[in-house]
Amino acid sequence: MTKIKLVRIYEHEQPAGYRILVDRLWPRGKSKKDANLDEWVKEIGPSTELRKWFNHDDTKYPEFRQKYVAELEHNPVTANFVAQVKAELAKQDVLFLYGAKNKEHNQAVVLKEYVEQRL
C-alpha cells in the first residue's frame, strides 16, 4: 500500500517516491539538482508571518498546528494539492520533503495529517 512519507531533505537515505518539497523557502545549502524534486509547492507551506511567529518553538506547536490548519482551509491551492497527492498515491509513495531539524514538530507533520484526513 502506498503512503505519504515525511523526509528531511538533508537526510542521506532518501526513499523512492514522488518527491514534493512542501517548504515555502528553499532549503539552505541544497542545490536544485541534488534535491531531485518532482515538484516544489511552496504555496502549501505556512505563511511567512506564521512561520516567523512559530520559529520552531515546541511550546508554540499546538497553536501553530491550529493556525496552519486554518491557513490550509483557506488556501486556494489546497484542494488541488490534495487531489494531486491522491493521484500520485495511486501509483507510488509520496514524499513530503522539508528542511526543519525537528522531525516531530514542523509544518510537514501537520500537512501530512491534514491531507490524510481528506483522502
N, C-alpha and C. Protein backbone atom coordinates (compact mmCIF):
# COMPACT_ATOMS: atom_id res chain seq x y z
N MET A 1 0.84 -1.19 0.00
CA MET A 1 0.00 0.00 0.00
C MET A 1 0.88 1.25 0.00
N THR A 2 0.54 2.18 -0.83
CA THR A 2 1.32 3.42 -0.91
C THR A 2 0.92 4.35 0.24
N LYS A 3 1.84 5.23 0.59
CA LYS A 3 1.54 6.17 1.68
C LYS A 3 2.36 7.44 1.53
N ILE A 4 1.98 8.43 2.34
CA ILE A 4 2.72 9.69 2.42
C ILE A 4 3.83 9.48 3.44
N LYS A 5 5.04 9.85 3.06
CA LYS A 5 6.18 9.74 3.96
C LYS A 5 6.79 11.12 4.16
N LEU A 6 7.20 11.39 5.38
CA LEU A 6 7.90 12.64 5.69
C LEU A 6 9.39 12.39 5.64
N VAL A 7 10.10 13.21 4.89
CA VAL A 7 11.54 13.02 4.71
C VAL A 7 12.23 14.37 4.84
N ARG A 8 13.19 14.44 5.73
CA ARG A 8 14.00 15.65 5.84
C ARG A 8 14.92 15.71 4.62
N ILE A 9 14.89 16.79 3.90
CA ILE A 9 15.60 16.88 2.62
C ILE A 9 17.11 16.71 2.77
N TYR A 10 17.64 16.93 3.97
CA TYR A 10 19.07 16.82 4.20
C TYR A 10 19.53 15.39 4.52
N GLU A 11 18.60 14.45 4.71
CA GLU A 11 18.96 13.07 5.04
C GLU A 11 19.63 12.41 3.84
N HIS A 12 20.64 11.61 4.12
CA HIS A 12 21.35 10.92 3.04
C HIS A 12 20.52 9.81 2.43
N GLU A 13 19.81 9.06 3.27
CA GLU A 13 18.96 7.98 2.78
C GLU A 13 17.61 8.56 2.40
N GLN A 14 17.29 8.49 1.13
CA GLN A 14 16.03 9.04 0.63
C GLN A 14 15.21 7.91 0.00
N PRO A 15 14.03 7.63 0.54
CA PRO A 15 13.22 6.56 -0.04
C PRO A 15 12.72 6.94 -1.44
N ALA A 16 12.27 5.94 -2.17
CA ALA A 16 11.72 6.17 -3.50
C ALA A 16 10.30 6.72 -3.37
N GLY A 17 9.88 7.48 -4.37
CA GLY A 17 8.52 8.02 -4.39
C GLY A 17 8.48 9.35 -5.11
N TYR A 18 7.27 9.90 -5.19
CA TYR A 18 7.05 11.21 -5.81
C TYR A 18 7.48 12.27 -4.81
N ARG A 19 8.47 13.08 -5.17
CA ARG A 19 9.12 13.99 -4.24
C ARG A 19 8.56 15.42 -4.34
N ILE A 20 7.91 15.87 -3.25
CA ILE A 20 7.35 17.22 -3.21
C ILE A 20 7.98 17.99 -2.05
N LEU A 21 8.64 19.10 -2.37
CA LEU A 21 9.13 19.99 -1.32
C LEU A 21 7.94 20.82 -0.85
N VAL A 22 7.66 20.77 0.46
CA VAL A 22 6.47 21.46 1.00
C VAL A 22 6.84 22.68 1.84
N ASP A 23 8.09 23.12 1.77
CA ASP A 23 8.53 24.34 2.46
C ASP A 23 8.33 25.54 1.56
N ARG A 24 8.01 26.67 2.16
CA ARG A 24 7.86 27.91 1.40
C ARG A 24 9.22 28.45 0.95
N LEU A 25 10.26 28.18 1.74
CA LEU A 25 11.61 28.64 1.42
C LEU A 25 12.46 27.48 0.93
N TRP A 26 13.36 27.77 0.00
CA TRP A 26 14.27 26.74 -0.50
C TRP A 26 15.24 26.38 0.63
N PRO A 27 15.52 25.08 0.84
CA PRO A 27 16.43 24.67 1.91
C PRO A 27 17.87 25.15 1.67
N ARG A 28 18.45 25.74 2.69
CA ARG A 28 19.81 26.27 2.60
C ARG A 28 20.81 25.20 2.25
N GLY A 29 21.72 25.54 1.35
CA GLY A 29 22.82 24.65 1.03
C GLY A 29 22.45 23.46 0.16
N LYS A 30 21.23 23.41 -0.32
CA LYS A 30 20.78 22.28 -1.15
C LYS A 30 20.62 22.77 -2.59
N SER A 31 21.31 22.12 -3.51
CA SER A 31 21.17 22.53 -4.91
C SER A 31 19.90 21.91 -5.49
N LYS A 32 19.36 22.55 -6.50
CA LYS A 32 18.16 22.02 -7.15
C LYS A 32 18.43 20.63 -7.75
N LYS A 33 19.63 20.44 -8.24
CA LYS A 33 19.99 19.14 -8.82
C LYS A 33 20.00 18.06 -7.74
N ASP A 34 20.63 18.35 -6.60
CA ASP A 34 20.71 17.38 -5.51
C ASP A 34 19.34 17.09 -4.89
N ALA A 35 18.46 18.07 -4.91
CA ALA A 35 17.14 17.88 -4.32
C ALA A 35 16.31 16.86 -5.11
N ASN A 36 16.55 16.78 -6.41
CA ASN A 36 15.88 15.78 -7.25
C ASN A 36 14.37 15.77 -7.02
N LEU A 37 13.76 16.95 -7.12
CA LEU A 37 12.32 17.08 -6.84
C LEU A 37 11.47 16.77 -8.06
N ASP A 38 10.29 16.25 -7.78
CA ASP A 38 9.27 16.17 -8.82
C ASP A 38 8.49 17.48 -8.84
N GLU A 39 8.40 18.11 -7.67
CA GLU A 39 7.64 19.34 -7.57
C GLU A 39 8.00 20.11 -6.30
N TRP A 40 7.87 21.42 -6.37
CA TRP A 40 8.01 22.28 -5.20
C TRP A 40 6.73 23.09 -5.11
N VAL A 41 5.93 22.81 -4.09
CA VAL A 41 4.65 23.52 -3.90
C VAL A 41 4.83 24.46 -2.71
N LYS A 42 5.53 25.57 -2.96
CA LYS A 42 5.83 26.48 -1.86
C LYS A 42 4.58 27.13 -1.28
N GLU A 43 3.54 27.28 -2.11
CA GLU A 43 2.31 27.94 -1.65
C GLU A 43 1.58 27.13 -0.59
N ILE A 44 1.91 25.83 -0.44
CA ILE A 44 1.23 24.99 0.55
C ILE A 44 1.84 25.15 1.94
N GLY A 45 3.03 25.74 2.01
CA GLY A 45 3.68 25.96 3.30
C GLY A 45 2.99 27.05 4.10
N PRO A 46 3.28 27.11 5.40
CA PRO A 46 2.68 28.17 6.22
C PRO A 46 3.11 29.56 5.75
N SER A 47 2.27 30.54 6.01
CA SER A 47 2.59 31.91 5.63
C SER A 47 3.87 32.36 6.32
N THR A 48 4.51 33.35 5.73
CA THR A 48 5.74 33.89 6.30
C THR A 48 5.50 34.36 7.72
N GLU A 49 4.36 35.03 7.95
CA GLU A 49 4.05 35.54 9.30
C GLU A 49 3.94 34.39 10.30
N LEU A 50 3.23 33.34 9.92
CA LEU A 50 3.05 32.20 10.82
C LEU A 50 4.37 31.47 11.06
N ARG A 51 5.13 31.29 10.01
CA ARG A 51 6.42 30.61 10.12
C ARG A 51 7.36 31.37 11.06
N LYS A 52 7.42 32.69 10.90
CA LYS A 52 8.29 33.51 11.76
C LYS A 52 7.80 33.51 13.20
N TRP A 53 6.48 33.56 13.39
CA TRP A 53 5.93 33.53 14.75
C TRP A 53 6.28 32.21 15.44
N PHE A 54 6.09 31.10 14.75
CA PHE A 54 6.36 29.77 15.32
C PHE A 54 7.85 29.61 15.63
N ASN A 55 8.70 29.94 14.68
CA ASN A 55 10.15 29.91 14.86
C ASN A 55 10.64 28.59 15.48
N HIS A 56 10.00 27.49 15.13
CA HIS A 56 10.36 26.14 15.61
C HIS A 56 10.41 26.04 17.13
N ASP A 57 9.51 26.76 17.80
CA ASP A 57 9.40 26.73 19.27
C ASP A 57 8.39 25.64 19.63
N ASP A 58 8.87 24.55 20.22
CA ASP A 58 7.99 23.42 20.55
C ASP A 58 6.80 23.82 21.42
N THR A 59 6.98 24.82 22.28
CA THR A 59 5.87 25.22 23.15
C THR A 59 4.74 25.87 22.35
N LYS A 60 5.06 26.41 21.18
CA LYS A 60 4.04 27.04 20.33
C LYS A 60 3.41 26.06 19.34
N TYR A 61 3.90 24.81 19.30
CA TYR A 61 3.45 23.88 18.27
C TYR A 61 1.93 23.64 18.25
N PRO A 62 1.29 23.39 19.41
CA PRO A 62 -0.17 23.17 19.33
C PRO A 62 -0.92 24.34 18.69
N GLU A 63 -0.54 25.56 19.05
CA GLU A 63 -1.20 26.73 18.46
C GLU A 63 -0.79 26.90 17.00
N PHE A 64 0.47 26.64 16.69
CA PHE A 64 0.93 26.68 15.30
C PHE A 64 0.11 25.72 14.45
N ARG A 65 -0.10 24.51 14.97
CA ARG A 65 -0.86 23.48 14.25
C ARG A 65 -2.26 24.00 13.90
N GLN A 66 -2.93 24.57 14.88
CA GLN A 66 -4.28 25.10 14.66
C GLN A 66 -4.28 26.21 13.61
N LYS A 67 -3.34 27.11 13.74
CA LYS A 67 -3.27 28.25 12.81
C LYS A 67 -2.92 27.79 11.39
N TYR A 68 -2.03 26.82 11.27
CA TYR A 68 -1.65 26.33 9.95
C TYR A 68 -2.81 25.58 9.30
N VAL A 69 -3.54 24.79 10.07
CA VAL A 69 -4.72 24.11 9.51
C VAL A 69 -5.74 25.15 9.02
N ALA A 70 -5.91 26.22 9.78
CA ALA A 70 -6.83 27.30 9.35
C ALA A 70 -6.33 27.91 8.03
N GLU A 71 -5.03 28.11 7.91
CA GLU A 71 -4.48 28.62 6.65
C GLU A 71 -4.75 27.64 5.51
N LEU A 72 -4.55 26.35 5.76
CA LEU A 72 -4.79 25.35 4.72
C LEU A 72 -6.24 25.36 4.27
N GLU A 73 -7.15 25.55 5.21
CA GLU A 73 -8.59 25.58 4.89
C GLU A 73 -8.92 26.72 3.93
N HIS A 74 -8.20 27.81 4.01
CA HIS A 74 -8.48 28.99 3.19
C HIS A 74 -7.49 29.18 2.03
N ASN A 75 -6.57 28.25 1.89
CA ASN A 75 -5.54 28.36 0.86
C ASN A 75 -6.10 27.89 -0.49
N PRO A 76 -6.05 28.72 -1.53
CA PRO A 76 -6.62 28.33 -2.82
C PRO A 76 -5.92 27.15 -3.49
N VAL A 77 -4.71 26.80 -3.09
CA VAL A 77 -4.01 25.67 -3.72
C VAL A 77 -4.25 24.34 -3.00
N THR A 78 -4.87 24.37 -1.82
CA THR A 78 -5.01 23.16 -1.01
C THR A 78 -5.79 22.06 -1.72
N ALA A 79 -6.92 22.37 -2.30
CA ALA A 79 -7.76 21.34 -2.93
C ALA A 79 -7.00 20.65 -4.07
N ASN A 80 -6.32 21.42 -4.91
CA ASN A 80 -5.54 20.83 -5.99
C ASN A 80 -4.38 20.00 -5.46
N PHE A 81 -3.76 20.49 -4.39
CA PHE A 81 -2.64 19.76 -3.78
C PHE A 81 -3.11 18.39 -3.29
N VAL A 82 -4.21 18.36 -2.56
CA VAL A 82 -4.75 17.09 -2.05
C VAL A 82 -5.10 16.16 -3.20
N ALA A 83 -5.71 16.69 -4.25
CA ALA A 83 -6.08 15.87 -5.42
C ALA A 83 -4.83 15.30 -6.10
N GLN A 84 -3.79 16.12 -6.21
CA GLN A 84 -2.55 15.67 -6.83
C GLN A 84 -1.89 14.56 -6.00
N VAL A 85 -1.85 14.74 -4.69
CA VAL A 85 -1.27 13.72 -3.81
C VAL A 85 -2.06 12.42 -3.95
N LYS A 86 -3.36 12.53 -3.97
CA LYS A 86 -4.21 11.34 -4.13
C LYS A 86 -3.91 10.62 -5.44
N ALA A 87 -3.76 11.37 -6.52
CA ALA A 87 -3.46 10.77 -7.83
C ALA A 87 -2.10 10.08 -7.82
N GLU A 88 -1.11 10.71 -7.22
CA GLU A 88 0.23 10.10 -7.16
C GLU A 88 0.24 8.87 -6.27
N LEU A 89 -0.55 8.89 -5.18
CA LEU A 89 -0.60 7.74 -4.28
C LEU A 89 -1.18 6.50 -4.96
N ALA A 90 -1.93 6.70 -6.02
CA ALA A 90 -2.46 5.57 -6.78
C ALA A 90 -1.34 4.83 -7.49
N LYS A 91 -0.19 5.50 -7.67
CA LYS A 91 0.93 4.92 -8.41
C LYS A 91 2.14 4.59 -7.54
N GLN A 92 2.38 5.43 -6.50
CA GLN A 92 3.62 5.30 -5.72
C GLN A 92 3.49 6.05 -4.41
N ASP A 93 4.48 5.86 -3.54
CA ASP A 93 4.54 6.65 -2.30
C ASP A 93 4.76 8.11 -2.66
N VAL A 94 4.29 9.01 -1.80
CA VAL A 94 4.52 10.44 -1.96
C VAL A 94 5.38 10.90 -0.78
N LEU A 95 6.47 11.59 -1.10
CA LEU A 95 7.37 12.09 -0.06
C LEU A 95 7.15 13.58 0.12
N PHE A 96 6.82 13.98 1.35
CA PHE A 96 6.76 15.40 1.70
C PHE A 96 8.14 15.74 2.24
N LEU A 97 8.91 16.51 1.48
CA LEU A 97 10.25 16.90 1.87
C LEU A 97 10.22 18.25 2.58
N TYR A 98 10.99 18.35 3.65
CA TYR A 98 11.04 19.57 4.45
C TYR A 98 12.45 19.77 4.97
N GLY A 99 12.75 20.97 5.43
CA GLY A 99 14.10 21.27 5.89
C GLY A 99 14.26 21.35 7.39
N ALA A 100 13.18 21.44 8.15
CA ALA A 100 13.25 21.63 9.60
C ALA A 100 14.05 20.52 10.29
N LYS A 101 14.78 20.90 11.34
CA LYS A 101 15.57 19.92 12.10
C LYS A 101 14.67 19.05 12.98
N ASN A 102 13.63 19.64 13.53
CA ASN A 102 12.72 18.91 14.41
C ASN A 102 11.78 18.05 13.57
N LYS A 103 11.88 16.74 13.72
CA LYS A 103 11.10 15.83 12.89
C LYS A 103 9.67 15.62 13.39
N GLU A 104 9.39 16.04 14.61
CA GLU A 104 8.06 15.82 15.20
C GLU A 104 7.18 17.07 15.18
N HIS A 105 7.80 18.23 15.25
CA HIS A 105 7.04 19.49 15.33
C HIS A 105 7.43 20.40 14.17
N ASN A 106 6.83 20.15 13.01
CA ASN A 106 7.07 21.01 11.84
C ASN A 106 5.83 21.01 10.96
N GLN A 107 5.83 21.87 9.96
CA GLN A 107 4.64 22.02 9.13
C GLN A 107 4.35 20.79 8.29
N ALA A 108 5.37 20.01 7.92
CA ALA A 108 5.15 18.82 7.11
C ALA A 108 4.33 17.78 7.88
N VAL A 109 4.53 17.69 9.18
CA VAL A 109 3.75 16.77 10.02
C VAL A 109 2.28 17.18 9.98
N VAL A 110 2.02 18.47 10.15
CA VAL A 110 0.65 18.97 10.13
C VAL A 110 0.03 18.74 8.75
N LEU A 111 0.78 19.04 7.70
CA LEU A 111 0.28 18.89 6.34
C LEU A 111 -0.06 17.43 6.03
N LYS A 112 0.79 16.53 6.45
CA LYS A 112 0.55 15.09 6.23
C LYS A 112 -0.76 14.67 6.89
N GLU A 113 -0.95 15.03 8.15
CA GLU A 113 -2.20 14.70 8.86
C GLU A 113 -3.39 15.29 8.13
N TYR A 114 -3.26 16.54 7.74
CA TYR A 114 -4.35 17.25 7.06
C TYR A 114 -4.75 16.54 5.76
N VAL A 115 -3.76 16.21 4.94
CA VAL A 115 -4.02 15.55 3.65
C VAL A 115 -4.60 14.16 3.87
N GLU A 116 -4.02 13.40 4.79
CA GLU A 116 -4.51 12.04 5.04
C GLU A 116 -5.97 12.02 5.47
N GLN A 117 -6.39 13.03 6.23
CA GLN A 117 -7.80 13.12 6.66
C GLN A 117 -8.74 13.41 5.49
N ARG A 118 -8.20 13.88 4.38
CA ARG A 118 -9.03 14.26 3.24
C ARG A 118 -8.93 13.29 2.06
N LEU A 119 -8.20 12.23 2.22
CA LEU A 119 -8.06 11.25 1.14
C LEU A 119 -9.22 10.26 1.15
